[in-house]
Amino acid sequence: MTHQIIKDLNFRYTAKKYDATKRISADDMTVIKEAIRLSASSINSQPWKFIVLESDEAKQRFHNTFANMHQFNQPHATEASHIVLFAYNPKYTKEDYRKVVDNEVSSGHLPAEMHGNMLNGAYAFAELNTDENGYNGSWTKAQSYIAVGNTLHTLARLGIDSTPMEGVDPALIGEEFKAEIGEYVCEFALAMGYHKDGDDYNHGLPKARLAEAEIITVL
């Protein structure tokens, strides 16, 4: 298939070794950050923070969070061009959502007279996913994965390699990046850059996906 979307997805794979000498350009980073910002989320909740690590100091801080586990991902922390920490709000409140609705009105997306209806009506969906302690992290974390998927395709379109990493230590990330993420939780990070020729065993291999007939049903 020759469609550009399919070309993008065939290009994308999980890089295993990065060339530390190659950096993502400032222009491409501008596109990447804007693509992340434009990610979809349920009720437009945007219950997330994205911490972009590009300085050697910031990447070393991330490197330090592998002290206890998942050391197989640790080299990416300093060898990849950039890292993005995807953090979600585990206790998303109506006041958090009010900021979103306020922005929808100020941007012209939502008529001002609809503010109350949207705030109270749409937030009811968040309440359905909130327990008696105010925890709705299962719901907000799911929104962050929408942003992950959007970012992966953006990187593929730009010809940039990536490594999705659930193999991180949320507790140590929470400590090391407390000033940046506060009470948000980071259980996922994304390394971005360019693979190292000859050392990335995963590069150039054919795709291994189940057949369409096994996973897609058209009714």
Protein backbone atom coordinates (compact mmCIF):
# COMPACT_ATOMS: atom_id res chain seq x y z
CA MET A 1 0.00 0.00 0.00
CA THR A 2 1.37 3.40 -0.97
CA HIS A 3 -0.74 5.73 1.18
CA GLN A 4 1.39 8.14 3.22
CA ILE A 5 -0.22 7.11 6.51
CA ILE A 6 0.72 3.48 5.87
CA LYS A 7 4.25 4.53 4.91
CA ASP A 8 4.49 6.42 8.21
CA LEU A 9 3.36 3.42 10.23
CA ASN A 10 5.68 1.04 8.39
CA PHE A 11 8.57 3.42 9.10
CA ARG A 12 7.80 3.53 12.82
CA TYR A 13 9.36 0.93 15.08
CA THR A 14 10.76 0.79 18.60
CA ALA A 15 14.38 1.93 18.47
CA LYS A 16 16.78 -0.02 20.68
CA LYS A 17 19.94 2.04 20.35
CA TYR A 18 20.32 5.77 19.71
CA ASP A 19 23.08 7.80 18.12
CA ALA A 20 23.89 10.31 20.85
CA THR A 21 25.53 12.64 18.33
CA LYS A 22 22.31 13.27 16.38
CA ARG A 23 19.82 15.85 17.60
CA ILE A 24 16.25 16.63 16.61
CA SER A 25 16.14 20.09 15.04
CA ALA A 26 14.49 23.02 16.78
CA ASP A 27 11.98 23.29 13.93
CA ASP A 28 10.96 19.65 14.30
CA MET A 29 10.68 20.04 18.08
CA THR A 30 8.31 22.95 17.54
CA VAL A 31 6.08 20.70 15.43
CA ILE A 32 6.29 17.85 17.95
CA LYS A 33 5.34 20.01 20.90
CA GLU A 34 2.41 21.54 19.05
CA ALA A 35 1.23 18.08 17.95
CA ILE A 36 1.31 16.90 21.57
CA ARG A 37 -0.64 19.97 22.67
CA LEU A 38 -3.31 19.30 20.04
CA SER A 39 -3.91 15.70 21.17
CA ALA A 40 -7.50 14.64 21.72
CA SER A 41 -8.93 13.74 25.13
CA SER A 42 -12.30 12.76 26.56
CA ILE A 43 -14.51 15.86 27.09
CA ASN A 44 -11.40 17.82 26.03
CA SER A 45 -10.23 17.31 29.60
CA GLN A 46 -6.49 17.60 28.87
CA PRO A 47 -5.60 16.05 32.26
CA TRP A 48 -1.88 15.95 31.57
CA LYS A 49 1.53 17.54 31.71
CA PHE A 50 4.31 16.86 29.22
CA ILE A 51 7.87 17.37 30.40
CA VAL A 52 10.32 17.63 27.50
CA LEU A 53 13.88 16.74 28.46
CA GLU A 54 16.45 18.12 26.04
CA SER A 55 19.35 19.41 28.14
CA ASP A 56 22.07 17.04 29.31
CA GLU A 57 21.23 17.97 32.89
CA ALA A 58 17.54 17.12 32.51
CA LYS A 59 18.29 13.83 30.77
CA GLN A 60 20.76 12.90 33.50
CA ARG A 61 18.04 13.48 36.08
CA PHE A 62 15.87 11.02 34.17
CA HIS A 63 18.82 8.62 33.94
CA ASN A 64 19.04 8.69 37.73
CA THR A 65 15.45 7.43 38.09
CA PHE A 66 16.49 3.98 36.81
CA ALA A 67 18.43 3.22 40.00
CA ASN A 68 16.02 0.51 41.14
CA MET A 69 14.43 -1.00 38.04
CA HIS A 70 14.13 -1.17 34.26
CA GLN A 71 17.82 -0.52 33.64
CA PHE A 72 17.41 -1.86 30.10
CA ASN A 73 15.80 1.49 29.23
CA GLN A 74 18.37 3.60 31.08
CA PRO A 75 20.74 4.19 28.12
CA HIS A 76 17.95 5.91 26.20
CA ALA A 77 17.82 8.58 28.90
CA THR A 78 21.13 10.10 27.83
CA GLU A 79 21.62 8.74 24.30
CA ALA A 80 18.28 9.79 22.78
CA SER A 81 18.01 13.34 21.52
CA HIS A 82 14.95 14.13 23.65
CA ILE A 83 12.71 12.44 26.19
CA VAL A 84 9.08 13.29 26.88
CA LEU A 85 7.55 12.42 30.24
CA PHE A 86 3.80 11.88 29.94
CA ALA A 87 2.22 12.70 33.31
CA TYR A 88 -1.46 12.48 34.19
CA ASN A 89 -3.58 14.04 36.92
CA PRO A 90 -4.85 11.23 39.20
CA LYS A 91 -7.46 13.44 40.84
CA TYR A 92 -8.94 15.56 38.08
CA THR A 93 -11.53 17.95 39.55
CA LYS A 94 -14.30 20.17 38.27
CA GLU A 95 -12.03 23.15 38.93
CA ASP A 96 -9.45 21.60 36.61
CA TYR A 97 -12.13 21.20 33.99
CA ARG A 98 -13.35 24.79 34.52
CA LYS A 99 -10.01 26.02 33.14
CA VAL A 100 -10.65 24.01 29.99
CA VAL A 101 -14.18 25.32 29.54
CA ASP A 102 -13.02 28.88 30.22
CA ASN A 103 -10.48 28.41 27.44
CA GLU A 104 -13.11 26.98 25.11
CA VAL A 105 -15.13 30.18 25.56
CA SER A 106 -12.17 32.59 25.26
CA SER A 107 -10.92 30.83 22.11
CA GLY A 108 -14.31 31.12 20.43
CA HIS A 109 -14.83 27.35 20.42
CA LEU A 110 -17.79 27.52 22.82
CA PRO A 111 -20.50 30.21 23.07
CA ALA A 112 -20.30 31.96 26.43
CA GLU A 113 -23.90 31.10 27.25
CA MET A 114 -23.01 27.39 27.01
CA HIS A 115 -20.32 27.59 29.69
CA GLY A 116 -22.45 26.29 32.54
CA ASN A 117 -24.04 23.55 30.49
CA MET A 118 -20.67 22.28 29.35
CA LEU A 119 -19.05 22.53 32.77
CA ASN A 120 -21.79 20.64 34.58
CA GLY A 121 -22.96 18.38 31.78
CA ALA A 122 -19.67 17.12 30.38
CA TYR A 123 -17.98 16.86 33.75
CA ALA A 124 -20.60 14.33 34.74
CA PHE A 125 -18.68 11.85 32.59
CA ALA A 126 -15.56 12.46 34.67
CA GLU A 127 -17.60 11.92 37.82
CA LEU A 128 -18.64 8.50 36.52
CA ASN A 129 -14.95 7.60 36.53
CA THR A 130 -14.17 9.08 39.95
CA ASP A 131 -14.23 7.08 43.18
CA GLU A 132 -15.18 8.21 46.68
CA ASN A 133 -11.63 9.45 47.30
CA GLY A 134 -11.60 11.65 44.20
CA TYR A 135 -9.34 9.26 42.29
CA ASN A 136 -9.93 9.05 38.54
CA GLY A 137 -6.40 8.15 37.47
CA SER A 138 -7.47 5.14 35.41
CA TRP A 139 -9.50 7.51 33.24
CA THR A 140 -6.95 10.33 33.03
CA LYS A 141 -4.09 7.91 32.33
CA ALA A 142 -6.10 6.55 29.40
CA GLN A 143 -6.27 10.08 27.97
CA SER A 144 -2.50 10.38 28.12
CA TYR A 145 -2.15 7.30 25.92
CA ILE A 146 -4.14 9.07 23.21
CA ALA A 147 -1.41 11.72 23.29
CA VAL A 148 1.24 9.01 23.08
CA GLY A 149 -0.30 7.54 19.92
CA ASN A 150 -0.60 10.97 18.35
CA THR A 151 3.05 11.69 19.12
CA LEU A 152 4.25 8.38 17.70
CA HIS A 153 2.63 9.10 14.35
CA THR A 154 3.93 12.67 14.35
CA LEU A 155 7.48 11.40 14.87
CA ALA A 156 7.08 8.84 12.09
CA ARG A 157 5.91 11.54 9.69
CA LEU A 158 9.02 13.56 10.56
CA GLY A 159 11.32 10.57 10.08
CA ILE A 160 12.30 10.53 13.75
CA ASP A 161 12.83 7.29 15.68
CA SER A 162 11.20 6.64 19.02
CA THR A 163 11.00 4.24 21.95
CA PRO A 164 7.80 4.06 24.03
CA MET A 165 8.74 3.21 27.61
CA GLU A 166 6.39 1.91 30.27
CA GLY A 167 9.54 0.50 31.83
CA VAL A 168 10.14 3.50 34.09
CA ASP A 169 9.98 4.08 37.84
CA PRO A 170 7.00 6.35 38.63
CA ALA A 171 8.04 6.75 42.27
CA LEU A 172 11.56 7.99 41.48
CA ILE A 173 10.30 10.13 38.60
CA GLY A 174 7.81 11.67 41.00
CA GLU A 175 10.63 12.50 43.40
CA GLU A 176 13.17 13.71 40.84
CA PHE A 177 10.68 15.82 38.89
CA LYS A 178 8.48 16.91 41.78
CA ALA A 179 8.93 20.57 40.89
CA GLU A 180 7.77 19.96 37.33
CA ILE A 181 4.89 17.51 37.72
CA GLY A 182 3.69 18.15 41.27
CA GLU A 183 1.03 15.62 42.22
CA TYR A 184 0.72 14.31 38.68
CA VAL A 185 1.92 10.76 37.96
CA CYS A 186 4.33 9.70 35.22
CA GLU A 187 4.18 6.02 34.29
CA PHE A 188 5.26 6.45 30.69
CA ALA A 189 8.09 8.14 28.83
CA LEU A 190 8.98 8.45 25.16
CA ALA A 191 12.54 8.57 23.87
CA MET A 192 13.02 10.36 20.55
CA GLY A 193 15.97 10.71 18.23
CA TYR A 194 17.84 8.76 15.58
CA HIS A 195 18.91 5.13 15.78
CA LYS A 196 22.56 4.17 15.76
CA ASP A 197 23.46 2.42 12.54
CA GLY A 198 24.73 -1.10 13.08
CA ASP A 199 23.84 -1.19 16.79
CA ASP A 200 20.04 -1.06 16.67
CA TYR A 201 19.01 -4.68 16.14
CA ASN A 202 15.37 -3.73 15.69
CA HIS A 203 15.96 -1.37 12.77
CA GLY A 204 14.89 -2.47 9.31
CA LEU A 205 13.10 -5.63 10.33
CA PRO A 206 9.77 -6.47 8.65
CA LYS A 207 6.58 -5.65 10.53
CA ALA A 208 5.10 -8.51 12.56
CA ARG A 209 1.40 -7.80 12.98
CA LEU A 210 -1.54 -10.17 13.12
CA ALA A 211 -3.54 -10.48 9.92
CA GLU A 212 -6.40 -8.05 9.37
CA ALA A 213 -8.92 -10.90 9.34
CA GLU A 214 -7.88 -11.93 12.84
CA ILE A 215 -8.36 -8.57 14.51
CA ILE A 216 -10.79 -6.48 12.44
CA THR A 217 -14.44 -7.34 11.99
CA VAL A 218 -16.55 -5.29 9.59
CA LEU A 219 -20.30 -5.57 10.14
